[in-house]
N, C-alpha and C. Protein backbone atom coordinates (compact mmCIF):
# COMPACT_ATOMS: atom_id res chain seq x y z
N MET A 1 0.83 -1.17 0.00
CA MET A 1 0.00 0.00 0.00
C MET A 1 0.88 1.24 0.00
N ARG A 2 0.54 2.22 -0.78
CA ARG A 2 1.39 3.37 -0.99
C ARG A 2 1.30 4.42 0.10
N GLY A 3 0.21 4.58 0.77
CA GLY A 3 0.11 5.61 1.79
C GLY A 3 -0.87 6.70 1.40
N PRO A 4 -0.82 7.82 2.08
CA PRO A 4 -1.79 8.89 1.87
C PRO A 4 -1.60 9.58 0.51
N PRO A 5 -2.56 10.41 0.12
CA PRO A 5 -2.46 11.13 -1.15
C PRO A 5 -1.21 12.00 -1.20
N CYS A 6 -0.77 12.29 -2.40
CA CYS A 6 0.43 13.13 -2.57
C CYS A 6 0.11 14.56 -2.15
N SER A 7 0.58 14.95 -0.99
CA SER A 7 0.35 16.30 -0.50
C SER A 7 1.65 17.04 -0.28
N PHE A 8 2.68 16.32 0.04
CA PHE A 8 3.97 16.93 0.29
C PHE A 8 4.89 16.54 -0.86
N GLY A 9 5.90 17.31 -1.09
CA GLY A 9 6.78 17.00 -2.20
C GLY A 9 8.21 17.34 -1.88
N SER A 10 9.07 16.94 -2.77
CA SER A 10 10.46 17.33 -2.70
C SER A 10 10.76 17.99 -4.04
N VAL A 11 11.96 18.40 -4.24
CA VAL A 11 12.29 19.20 -5.40
C VAL A 11 11.77 18.57 -6.69
N GLY A 12 10.80 19.22 -7.28
CA GLY A 12 10.32 18.85 -8.60
C GLY A 12 9.37 17.67 -8.68
N LYS A 13 9.13 16.92 -7.59
CA LYS A 13 8.20 15.79 -7.69
C LYS A 13 7.48 15.57 -6.38
N GLN A 14 6.29 15.01 -6.46
CA GLN A 14 5.51 14.73 -5.27
C GLN A 14 5.98 13.42 -4.65
N HIS A 15 5.75 13.29 -3.37
CA HIS A 15 6.16 12.09 -2.66
C HIS A 15 5.02 11.66 -1.75
N HIS A 16 4.76 10.36 -1.67
CA HIS A 16 3.64 9.87 -0.87
C HIS A 16 3.95 9.82 0.63
N ILE A 17 5.18 10.07 1.01
CA ILE A 17 5.57 10.04 2.42
C ILE A 17 5.78 11.48 2.89
N LEU A 18 5.26 11.80 4.06
CA LEU A 18 5.47 13.12 4.66
C LEU A 18 6.96 13.28 4.96
N LEU A 19 7.58 14.27 4.35
CA LEU A 19 8.99 14.54 4.59
C LEU A 19 9.09 15.44 5.82
N TYR A 20 9.82 14.99 6.80
CA TYR A 20 9.86 15.65 8.09
C TYR A 20 11.28 16.13 8.37
N ASN A 21 11.41 17.41 8.64
CA ASN A 21 12.72 17.98 8.92
C ASN A 21 12.60 18.79 10.20
N CYS A 22 12.85 18.16 11.34
CA CYS A 22 12.67 18.85 12.62
C CYS A 22 13.66 20.00 12.77
N THR A 23 14.82 19.92 12.14
CA THR A 23 15.80 20.99 12.26
C THR A 23 15.26 22.29 11.69
N ALA A 24 14.55 22.22 10.57
CA ALA A 24 13.99 23.43 9.96
C ALA A 24 13.01 24.11 10.91
N TYR A 25 12.21 23.33 11.62
CA TYR A 25 11.26 23.91 12.57
C TYR A 25 12.00 24.60 13.71
N PHE A 26 13.05 23.97 14.21
CA PHE A 26 13.79 24.58 15.31
C PHE A 26 14.50 25.86 14.87
N TRP A 27 15.02 25.88 13.63
CA TRP A 27 15.63 27.11 13.10
C TRP A 27 14.60 28.22 13.05
N ALA A 28 13.41 27.89 12.53
CA ALA A 28 12.35 28.90 12.43
C ALA A 28 11.97 29.45 13.80
N LEU A 29 11.83 28.57 14.78
CA LEU A 29 11.48 29.00 16.13
C LEU A 29 12.60 29.85 16.73
N ALA A 30 13.84 29.44 16.55
CA ALA A 30 14.97 30.19 17.11
C ALA A 30 15.07 31.57 16.49
N ILE A 31 14.86 31.68 15.19
CA ILE A 31 14.93 32.98 14.53
C ILE A 31 13.76 33.86 14.96
N ALA A 32 12.57 33.29 15.03
CA ALA A 32 11.40 34.06 15.45
C ALA A 32 11.57 34.60 16.88
N ASP A 33 12.20 33.82 17.74
CA ASP A 33 12.41 34.24 19.13
C ASP A 33 13.67 35.09 19.31
N LYS A 34 14.41 35.27 18.22
CA LYS A 34 15.71 35.96 18.30
C LYS A 34 16.56 35.33 19.40
N ALA A 35 16.61 34.01 19.37
CA ALA A 35 17.28 33.24 20.42
C ALA A 35 18.77 33.07 20.20
N LEU A 36 19.25 33.27 18.98
CA LEU A 36 20.66 33.05 18.68
C LEU A 36 21.44 34.37 18.71
N LEU A 37 22.58 34.35 19.34
CA LEU A 37 23.43 35.53 19.46
C LEU A 37 23.87 36.00 18.08
N HIS A 38 23.63 37.27 17.77
CA HIS A 38 24.02 37.93 16.52
C HIS A 38 23.25 37.45 15.29
N ILE A 39 22.17 36.70 15.48
CA ILE A 39 21.37 36.24 14.35
C ILE A 39 19.94 36.73 14.56
N GLU A 40 19.52 37.67 13.71
CA GLU A 40 18.20 38.27 13.83
C GLU A 40 17.24 37.80 12.74
N SER A 41 17.78 37.18 11.68
CA SER A 41 16.94 36.80 10.54
C SER A 41 17.54 35.60 9.83
N LEU A 42 16.76 35.04 8.92
CA LEU A 42 17.26 33.93 8.10
C LEU A 42 18.45 34.38 7.26
N GLU A 43 18.42 35.62 6.79
CA GLU A 43 19.53 36.15 5.99
C GLU A 43 20.83 36.15 6.80
N ASP A 44 20.73 36.55 8.08
CA ASP A 44 21.92 36.52 8.96
C ASP A 44 22.47 35.10 9.07
N LEU A 45 21.58 34.14 9.21
CA LEU A 45 22.00 32.74 9.34
C LEU A 45 22.67 32.26 8.05
N LEU A 46 22.08 32.62 6.91
CA LEU A 46 22.63 32.17 5.63
C LEU A 46 23.98 32.80 5.30
N GLU A 47 24.28 33.94 5.92
CA GLU A 47 25.57 34.60 5.68
C GLU A 47 26.72 33.94 6.44
N ILE A 48 26.43 33.12 7.41
CA ILE A 48 27.47 32.47 8.21
C ILE A 48 28.20 31.44 7.34
N LYS A 49 29.49 31.49 7.37
CA LYS A 49 30.32 30.55 6.62
C LYS A 49 31.12 29.68 7.60
N ILE A 50 31.16 28.40 7.31
CA ILE A 50 31.98 27.49 8.12
C ILE A 50 33.41 27.62 7.61
N PRO A 51 34.36 27.91 8.50
CA PRO A 51 35.75 28.11 8.08
C PRO A 51 36.33 26.86 7.40
N VAL A 52 37.21 27.10 6.45
CA VAL A 52 37.90 26.01 5.76
C VAL A 52 38.63 25.15 6.79
N GLY A 53 38.51 23.85 6.65
CA GLY A 53 39.18 22.93 7.57
C GLY A 53 38.33 22.55 8.77
N LYS A 54 37.16 23.18 8.91
CA LYS A 54 36.26 22.82 10.00
C LYS A 54 34.99 22.25 9.41
N ASP A 55 34.30 21.41 10.18
CA ASP A 55 33.05 20.84 9.68
C ASP A 55 31.83 21.40 10.40
N LYS A 56 32.05 22.35 11.33
CA LYS A 56 30.93 22.95 12.05
C LYS A 56 31.38 24.25 12.70
N ILE A 57 30.39 25.01 13.12
CA ILE A 57 30.64 26.17 13.98
C ILE A 57 29.64 26.10 15.13
N ASP A 58 30.00 26.66 16.24
CA ASP A 58 29.11 26.67 17.39
C ASP A 58 28.33 27.97 17.41
N LEU A 59 27.02 27.86 17.48
CA LEU A 59 26.16 29.03 17.61
C LEU A 59 25.79 29.18 19.08
N MET A 60 25.73 30.41 19.54
CA MET A 60 25.45 30.68 20.94
C MET A 60 24.03 31.21 21.10
N PHE A 61 23.37 30.79 22.17
CA PHE A 61 22.04 31.29 22.48
C PHE A 61 22.13 32.54 23.34
N GLU A 62 21.16 33.43 23.16
CA GLU A 62 21.03 34.59 24.04
C GLU A 62 20.71 34.09 25.45
N ASP A 63 21.31 34.68 26.45
CA ASP A 63 21.05 34.28 27.83
C ASP A 63 19.58 34.39 28.21
N SER A 64 18.89 35.37 27.62
CA SER A 64 17.50 35.63 27.99
C SER A 64 16.54 34.51 27.59
N VAL A 65 16.96 33.60 26.70
CA VAL A 65 16.04 32.54 26.24
C VAL A 65 16.40 31.16 26.77
N LEU A 66 17.47 31.05 27.51
CA LEU A 66 17.95 29.73 27.92
C LEU A 66 16.94 28.94 28.76
N ASP A 67 16.13 29.60 29.54
CA ASP A 67 15.18 28.90 30.40
C ASP A 67 13.75 28.90 29.85
N LEU A 68 13.56 29.40 28.64
CA LEU A 68 12.21 29.42 28.05
C LEU A 68 11.88 28.07 27.41
N PRO A 69 10.62 27.65 27.48
CA PRO A 69 10.22 26.45 26.74
C PRO A 69 10.26 26.75 25.23
N ILE A 70 10.53 25.75 24.42
CA ILE A 70 10.59 25.96 22.97
C ILE A 70 9.20 26.26 22.42
N LEU A 71 8.22 25.46 22.81
CA LEU A 71 6.84 25.69 22.38
C LEU A 71 6.09 26.31 23.55
N ARG A 72 5.66 27.58 23.35
CA ARG A 72 5.03 28.30 24.45
C ARG A 72 3.54 28.50 24.22
N LYS A 73 2.87 28.70 25.31
CA LYS A 73 1.43 28.91 25.32
C LYS A 73 1.09 30.28 24.71
N CYS A 74 -0.02 30.34 23.99
CA CYS A 74 -0.51 31.60 23.42
C CYS A 74 -1.92 31.84 23.93
N THR A 75 -2.21 33.09 24.20
CA THR A 75 -3.57 33.47 24.60
C THR A 75 -4.03 34.62 23.72
N LYS A 76 -5.34 34.79 23.60
CA LYS A 76 -5.87 35.90 22.81
C LYS A 76 -5.55 37.24 23.48
N GLU A 77 -5.54 37.26 24.80
CA GLU A 77 -5.32 38.50 25.53
C GLU A 77 -3.85 38.95 25.51
N LYS A 78 -2.94 37.99 25.75
CA LYS A 78 -1.53 38.34 25.95
C LYS A 78 -0.61 37.89 24.82
N GLY A 79 -1.11 37.14 23.86
CA GLY A 79 -0.23 36.60 22.82
C GLY A 79 0.60 35.47 23.40
N THR A 80 1.86 35.36 22.97
CA THR A 80 2.74 34.31 23.46
C THR A 80 3.21 34.65 24.87
N ILE A 81 3.08 33.68 25.77
CA ILE A 81 3.54 33.87 27.14
C ILE A 81 4.62 32.84 27.45
N GLU A 82 5.27 32.97 28.58
CA GLU A 82 6.44 32.14 28.87
C GLU A 82 6.11 30.82 29.53
N GLU A 83 4.89 30.34 29.42
CA GLU A 83 4.51 29.02 29.92
C GLU A 83 4.59 28.00 28.79
N PRO A 84 4.88 26.74 29.11
CA PRO A 84 4.91 25.72 28.06
C PRO A 84 3.54 25.54 27.41
N MET A 85 3.53 25.25 26.11
CA MET A 85 2.29 24.93 25.42
C MET A 85 1.78 23.61 25.98
N PRO A 86 0.49 23.53 26.32
CA PRO A 86 -0.04 22.26 26.82
C PRO A 86 0.03 21.18 25.74
N LYS A 87 0.28 19.95 26.17
CA LYS A 87 0.40 18.85 25.22
C LYS A 87 -0.85 18.72 24.36
N TYR A 88 -2.04 18.86 24.95
CA TYR A 88 -3.28 18.70 24.18
C TYR A 88 -3.37 19.76 23.07
N ALA A 89 -2.87 20.97 23.31
CA ALA A 89 -2.90 22.03 22.29
C ALA A 89 -1.97 21.68 21.14
N PHE A 90 -0.76 21.21 21.48
CA PHE A 90 0.19 20.81 20.43
C PHE A 90 -0.39 19.68 19.58
N LEU A 91 -0.95 18.66 20.23
CA LEU A 91 -1.49 17.52 19.49
C LEU A 91 -2.67 17.93 18.62
N ARG A 92 -3.50 18.84 19.08
CA ARG A 92 -4.63 19.33 18.28
C ARG A 92 -4.12 20.03 17.02
N ILE A 93 -3.11 20.88 17.16
CA ILE A 93 -2.53 21.58 16.01
C ILE A 93 -1.87 20.59 15.07
N PHE A 94 -1.13 19.65 15.62
CA PHE A 94 -0.41 18.65 14.82
C PHE A 94 -1.39 17.82 13.99
N ARG A 95 -2.45 17.32 14.62
CA ARG A 95 -3.42 16.49 13.91
C ARG A 95 -4.18 17.30 12.86
N ALA A 96 -4.54 18.53 13.18
CA ALA A 96 -5.25 19.38 12.21
C ALA A 96 -4.37 19.65 10.99
N THR A 97 -3.09 19.87 11.21
CA THR A 97 -2.16 20.10 10.10
C THR A 97 -2.07 18.88 9.21
N LEU A 98 -1.97 17.69 9.81
CA LEU A 98 -1.91 16.47 9.01
C LEU A 98 -3.20 16.25 8.22
N ARG A 99 -4.35 16.50 8.86
CA ARG A 99 -5.63 16.33 8.16
C ARG A 99 -5.74 17.27 6.97
N LYS A 100 -5.34 18.52 7.15
CA LYS A 100 -5.41 19.50 6.05
C LYS A 100 -4.50 19.11 4.91
N ALA A 101 -3.43 18.39 5.23
CA ALA A 101 -2.49 17.95 4.21
C ALA A 101 -2.90 16.63 3.55
N GLY A 102 -4.00 16.04 4.02
CA GLY A 102 -4.47 14.82 3.39
C GLY A 102 -4.06 13.54 4.08
N TYR A 103 -3.48 13.64 5.26
CA TYR A 103 -3.07 12.45 6.01
C TYR A 103 -4.15 12.17 7.06
N PHE A 104 -5.07 11.27 6.73
CA PHE A 104 -6.23 11.05 7.59
C PHE A 104 -6.02 9.91 8.59
N ALA A 105 -4.99 9.10 8.40
CA ALA A 105 -4.73 8.01 9.35
C ALA A 105 -4.31 8.61 10.68
N GLY A 106 -4.43 7.86 11.73
CA GLY A 106 -4.08 8.36 13.06
C GLY A 106 -2.59 8.50 13.24
N ALA A 107 -2.01 9.46 12.61
CA ALA A 107 -0.56 9.66 12.69
C ALA A 107 -0.17 10.16 14.08
N THR A 108 0.99 9.73 14.50
CA THR A 108 1.55 10.21 15.76
C THR A 108 2.90 10.85 15.47
N ILE A 109 3.42 11.58 16.41
CA ILE A 109 4.74 12.18 16.25
C ILE A 109 5.78 11.09 16.06
N HIS A 110 5.65 10.00 16.78
CA HIS A 110 6.61 8.89 16.68
C HIS A 110 6.56 8.25 15.28
N ALA A 111 5.38 8.14 14.70
CA ALA A 111 5.26 7.59 13.35
C ALA A 111 5.95 8.49 12.34
N VAL A 112 5.82 9.79 12.50
CA VAL A 112 6.48 10.73 11.60
C VAL A 112 8.00 10.57 11.72
N ARG A 113 8.50 10.46 12.92
CA ARG A 113 9.94 10.30 13.14
C ARG A 113 10.44 8.99 12.52
N ARG A 114 9.66 7.92 12.64
CA ARG A 114 10.11 6.61 12.11
C ARG A 114 10.19 6.61 10.60
N PHE A 115 9.33 7.36 9.91
CA PHE A 115 9.38 7.39 8.45
C PHE A 115 10.64 8.08 8.03
């Protein structure tokens, strides 16, 4: 059996498997929170060059975000607050996103990671 309808794709072609890149989500969250020292935008991140002879560079977090939860609670009155997002809220958003994308089976976060 092939899986759900083609909703997600990769360069130039559709793929029947949801392609999951958790690193991209964490980059987006870090940039939105201005959590990385000297990096305010995606453009700033893309300008960083790894020095010749090295295979990585260390990025530093702003001290002000070190104790914040990655996924935070949002309210209509206050917007994003510094409390963790409740698990039920995350799961509701996650399942709604999968349904809108055409994945109607009872997908779990663990199933996405295993694929």
